[in-house]
């Protein structure tokens, strides 16, 4: 899993290491490819760094954003499957 590059990235390394088993289960549950999983983590980290939310509760904040992204991807995939070809 790709780790974000930030000036104070050590906390992210710790958070991602602690959450890796949970994230892997989430990505498997949603059927995300490795590329989609990496992009999801990168996007979540960018969102959290931009909002500085990670300082309060990094694990919960990251999981929240990751789950939102997974839901969005699932909805997009379902929409594509339901649309007439």
N, C-alpha and C. Protein backbone atom coordinates (compact mmCIF):
# COMPACT_ATOMS: atom_id res chain seq x y z
N UNK A 1 0.85 -1.17 0.00
CA UNK A 1 0.00 0.00 0.00
C UNK A 1 0.90 1.24 0.00
N UNK A 2 0.62 2.20 -0.82
CA UNK A 2 1.41 3.40 -0.94
C UNK A 2 1.18 4.30 0.26
N UNK A 3 2.26 4.87 0.78
CA UNK A 3 2.14 5.78 1.91
C UNK A 3 2.26 7.21 1.39
N UNK A 4 1.47 8.13 1.92
CA UNK A 4 1.52 9.51 1.44
C UNK A 4 2.85 10.15 1.81
N UNK A 5 3.27 11.07 0.98
CA UNK A 5 4.51 11.79 1.24
C UNK A 5 4.14 13.13 1.84
N UNK A 6 4.41 13.28 3.09
CA UNK A 6 4.12 14.51 3.82
C UNK A 6 5.32 14.85 4.69
N UNK A 7 5.51 16.12 5.04
CA UNK A 7 6.64 16.50 5.87
C UNK A 7 6.67 15.76 7.19
N UNK A 8 5.52 15.52 7.80
CA UNK A 8 5.47 14.81 9.08
C UNK A 8 4.81 13.45 8.86
N UNK A 9 5.41 12.64 7.97
CA UNK A 9 4.77 11.39 7.55
C UNK A 9 4.88 10.27 8.57
N UNK A 10 5.71 10.39 9.58
CA UNK A 10 5.83 9.30 10.53
C UNK A 10 4.50 8.92 11.16
N UNK A 11 3.67 9.88 11.59
CA UNK A 11 2.37 9.47 12.13
C UNK A 11 1.53 8.69 11.11
N UNK A 12 1.62 9.06 9.84
CA UNK A 12 0.87 8.34 8.81
C UNK A 12 1.39 6.92 8.69
N UNK A 13 2.70 6.75 8.74
CA UNK A 13 3.26 5.40 8.68
C UNK A 13 2.69 4.54 9.79
N UNK A 14 2.65 5.11 11.00
CA UNK A 14 2.13 4.37 12.15
C UNK A 14 0.65 4.03 11.97
N UNK A 15 -0.12 5.01 11.55
CA UNK A 15 -1.56 4.80 11.36
C UNK A 15 -1.81 3.75 10.29
N UNK A 16 -1.14 3.87 9.16
CA UNK A 16 -1.34 2.91 8.07
C UNK A 16 -0.89 1.50 8.48
N UNK A 17 0.16 1.42 9.24
CA UNK A 17 0.63 0.11 9.69
C UNK A 17 -0.41 -0.53 10.62
N UNK A 18 -0.94 0.25 11.55
CA UNK A 18 -1.96 -0.28 12.47
C UNK A 18 -3.23 -0.68 11.73
N UNK A 19 -3.61 0.09 10.72
CA UNK A 19 -4.86 -0.15 10.02
C UNK A 19 -4.75 -1.10 8.83
N UNK A 20 -3.56 -1.49 8.46
CA UNK A 20 -3.38 -2.29 7.25
C UNK A 20 -4.28 -3.53 7.21
N UNK A 21 -4.37 -4.33 8.27
CA UNK A 21 -5.26 -5.50 8.19
C UNK A 21 -6.73 -5.12 7.98
N UNK A 22 -7.16 -4.06 8.62
CA UNK A 22 -8.54 -3.59 8.48
C UNK A 22 -8.78 -3.06 7.08
N UNK A 23 -7.86 -2.26 6.58
CA UNK A 23 -7.99 -1.71 5.24
C UNK A 23 -8.02 -2.82 4.19
N UNK A 24 -7.17 -3.82 4.35
CA UNK A 24 -7.15 -4.92 3.39
C UNK A 24 -8.50 -5.65 3.38
N UNK A 25 -9.11 -5.84 4.54
CA UNK A 25 -10.42 -6.48 4.60
C UNK A 25 -11.49 -5.62 3.94
N UNK A 26 -11.42 -4.31 4.18
CA UNK A 26 -12.39 -3.39 3.57
C UNK A 26 -12.27 -3.45 2.05
N UNK A 27 -11.05 -3.37 1.55
CA UNK A 27 -10.84 -3.36 0.11
C UNK A 27 -11.28 -4.68 -0.52
N UNK A 28 -11.05 -5.78 0.18
CA UNK A 28 -11.50 -7.08 -0.32
C UNK A 28 -13.02 -7.14 -0.33
N UNK A 29 -13.65 -6.67 0.72
CA UNK A 29 -15.11 -6.66 0.82
C UNK A 29 -15.74 -5.86 -0.33
N UNK A 30 -15.13 -4.72 -0.66
CA UNK A 30 -15.65 -3.88 -1.74
C UNK A 30 -15.13 -4.29 -3.12
N UNK A 31 -14.24 -5.27 -3.17
CA UNK A 31 -13.74 -5.75 -4.44
C UNK A 31 -12.82 -4.78 -5.16
N UNK A 32 -12.09 -3.96 -4.42
CA UNK A 32 -11.20 -2.99 -5.03
C UNK A 32 -9.92 -3.66 -5.51
N UNK A 33 -9.44 -3.21 -6.64
CA UNK A 33 -8.14 -3.68 -7.13
C UNK A 33 -7.05 -3.04 -6.27
N UNK A 34 -5.84 -3.54 -6.41
CA UNK A 34 -4.73 -2.96 -5.65
C UNK A 34 -4.55 -1.48 -6.01
N UNK A 35 -4.70 -1.17 -7.28
CA UNK A 35 -4.56 0.22 -7.72
C UNK A 35 -5.66 1.09 -7.10
N UNK A 36 -6.89 0.60 -7.12
CA UNK A 36 -7.99 1.36 -6.52
C UNK A 36 -7.77 1.54 -5.01
N UNK A 37 -7.26 0.51 -4.36
CA UNK A 37 -7.00 0.59 -2.92
C UNK A 37 -5.94 1.65 -2.62
N UNK A 38 -4.87 1.65 -3.41
CA UNK A 38 -3.81 2.63 -3.22
C UNK A 38 -4.33 4.05 -3.45
N UNK A 39 -5.11 4.21 -4.52
CA UNK A 39 -5.67 5.53 -4.82
C UNK A 39 -6.62 5.99 -3.70
N UNK A 40 -7.36 5.05 -3.15
CA UNK A 40 -8.29 5.37 -2.08
C UNK A 40 -7.55 5.84 -0.84
N UNK A 41 -6.48 5.15 -0.48
CA UNK A 41 -5.69 5.56 0.69
C UNK A 41 -5.04 6.92 0.44
N UNK A 42 -4.49 7.11 -0.75
CA UNK A 42 -3.86 8.39 -1.07
C UNK A 42 -4.87 9.53 -1.00
N UNK A 43 -6.06 9.31 -1.57
CA UNK A 43 -7.10 10.34 -1.54
C UNK A 43 -7.52 10.64 -0.10
N UNK A 44 -7.70 9.59 0.68
CA UNK A 44 -8.10 9.78 2.08
C UNK A 44 -7.05 10.59 2.84
N UNK A 45 -5.81 10.29 2.62
CA UNK A 45 -4.73 11.02 3.31
C UNK A 45 -4.70 12.49 2.88
N UNK A 46 -4.89 12.73 1.57
CA UNK A 46 -4.91 14.12 1.09
C UNK A 46 -6.07 14.89 1.73
N UNK A 47 -7.23 14.26 1.79
CA UNK A 47 -8.39 14.92 2.39
C UNK A 47 -8.11 15.25 3.85
N UNK A 48 -7.57 14.29 4.57
CA UNK A 48 -7.34 14.48 6.00
C UNK A 48 -6.24 15.50 6.27
N UNK A 49 -5.19 15.49 5.47
CA UNK A 49 -4.12 16.48 5.66
C UNK A 49 -4.66 17.87 5.38
N UNK A 50 -5.49 17.98 4.34
CA UNK A 50 -6.08 19.27 4.00
C UNK A 50 -6.97 19.81 5.09
N UNK A 51 -7.62 18.93 5.80
CA UNK A 51 -8.54 19.36 6.84
C UNK A 51 -7.95 19.27 8.24
N UNK A 52 -6.78 18.69 8.34
CA UNK A 52 -6.11 18.49 9.63
C UNK A 52 -6.95 17.66 10.60
N UNK A 53 -7.86 16.85 10.07
CA UNK A 53 -8.71 16.02 10.92
C UNK A 53 -7.94 14.87 11.55
N UNK A 54 -6.89 14.44 10.90
CA UNK A 54 -6.17 13.27 11.38
C UNK A 54 -5.57 13.47 12.76
N UNK A 55 -5.34 14.68 13.18
CA UNK A 55 -4.71 14.92 14.48
C UNK A 55 -5.59 14.49 15.64
N UNK A 56 -6.90 14.62 15.48
CA UNK A 56 -7.81 14.27 16.57
C UNK A 56 -7.97 12.78 16.73
N UNK A 57 -8.20 12.09 15.66
CA UNK A 57 -8.41 10.64 15.69
C UNK A 57 -8.01 10.08 14.33
N UNK A 58 -6.73 9.85 14.13
CA UNK A 58 -6.27 9.46 12.80
C UNK A 58 -6.89 8.17 12.27
N UNK A 59 -7.02 7.16 13.11
CA UNK A 59 -7.56 5.89 12.64
C UNK A 59 -9.02 6.04 12.20
N UNK A 60 -9.83 6.64 13.05
CA UNK A 60 -11.24 6.80 12.73
C UNK A 60 -11.42 7.71 11.52
N UNK A 61 -10.68 8.79 11.47
CA UNK A 61 -10.79 9.71 10.34
C UNK A 61 -10.42 9.03 9.03
N UNK A 62 -9.33 8.29 9.03
CA UNK A 62 -8.89 7.62 7.81
C UNK A 62 -9.91 6.57 7.39
N UNK A 63 -10.38 5.76 8.33
CA UNK A 63 -11.37 4.74 7.99
C UNK A 63 -12.65 5.36 7.45
N UNK A 64 -13.08 6.46 8.03
CA UNK A 64 -14.29 7.13 7.58
C UNK A 64 -14.16 7.57 6.12
N UNK A 65 -13.07 8.21 5.78
CA UNK A 65 -12.87 8.69 4.41
C UNK A 65 -12.71 7.51 3.45
N UNK A 66 -11.99 6.46 3.86
CA UNK A 66 -11.81 5.29 3.01
C UNK A 66 -13.15 4.62 2.74
N UNK A 67 -13.97 4.46 3.76
CA UNK A 67 -15.28 3.83 3.56
C UNK A 67 -16.18 4.67 2.66
N UNK A 68 -16.13 5.98 2.80
CA UNK A 68 -16.91 6.85 1.90
C UNK A 68 -16.48 6.64 0.45
N UNK A 69 -15.20 6.59 0.22
CA UNK A 69 -14.66 6.40 -1.13
C UNK A 69 -15.06 5.03 -1.68
N UNK A 70 -14.99 4.00 -0.85
CA UNK A 70 -15.38 2.66 -1.28
C UNK A 70 -16.86 2.62 -1.66
N UNK A 71 -17.68 3.27 -0.87
CA UNK A 71 -19.11 3.33 -1.17
C UNK A 71 -19.36 4.04 -2.51
N UNK A 72 -18.63 5.14 -2.72
CA UNK A 72 -18.76 5.87 -3.98
C UNK A 72 -18.37 4.99 -5.18
N UNK A 73 -17.25 4.27 -5.04
CA UNK A 73 -16.81 3.39 -6.12
C UNK A 73 -17.83 2.29 -6.37
N UNK A 74 -18.39 1.73 -5.32
CA UNK A 74 -19.40 0.68 -5.45
C UNK A 74 -20.64 1.21 -6.17
N UNK A 75 -21.10 2.39 -5.78
CA UNK A 75 -22.27 3.00 -6.42
C UNK A 75 -22.02 3.27 -7.90
N UNK A 76 -20.81 3.78 -8.22
CA UNK A 76 -20.48 4.03 -9.62
C UNK A 76 -20.48 2.74 -10.43
N UNK A 77 -19.92 1.69 -9.85
CA UNK A 77 -19.88 0.40 -10.53
C UNK A 77 -21.29 -0.14 -10.76
N UNK A 78 -22.15 -0.03 -9.75
CA UNK A 78 -23.54 -0.50 -9.88
C UNK A 78 -24.28 0.31 -10.93
N UNK A 79 -24.04 1.61 -10.99
CA UNK A 79 -24.68 2.46 -11.99
C UNK A 79 -24.28 2.03 -13.40
N UNK A 80 -22.99 1.72 -13.56
CA UNK A 80 -22.50 1.28 -14.87
C UNK A 80 -23.11 -0.05 -15.26
N UNK A 81 -23.27 -0.95 -14.29
CA UNK A 81 -23.87 -2.25 -14.57
C UNK A 81 -25.34 -2.12 -14.95
N UNK A 82 -26.04 -1.17 -14.32
CA UNK A 82 -27.47 -0.98 -14.56
C UNK A 82 -27.79 -0.18 -15.82
N UNK A 83 -26.81 0.57 -16.32
CA UNK A 83 -27.08 1.41 -17.49
C UNK A 83 -27.16 0.54 -18.74
N UNK A 84 -28.08 0.93 -19.64
CA UNK A 84 -28.21 0.15 -20.89
C UNK A 84 -26.96 0.30 -21.75
N UNK A 85 -26.54 -0.78 -22.35
CA UNK A 85 -25.33 -0.76 -23.18
C UNK A 85 -25.60 -0.27 -24.57
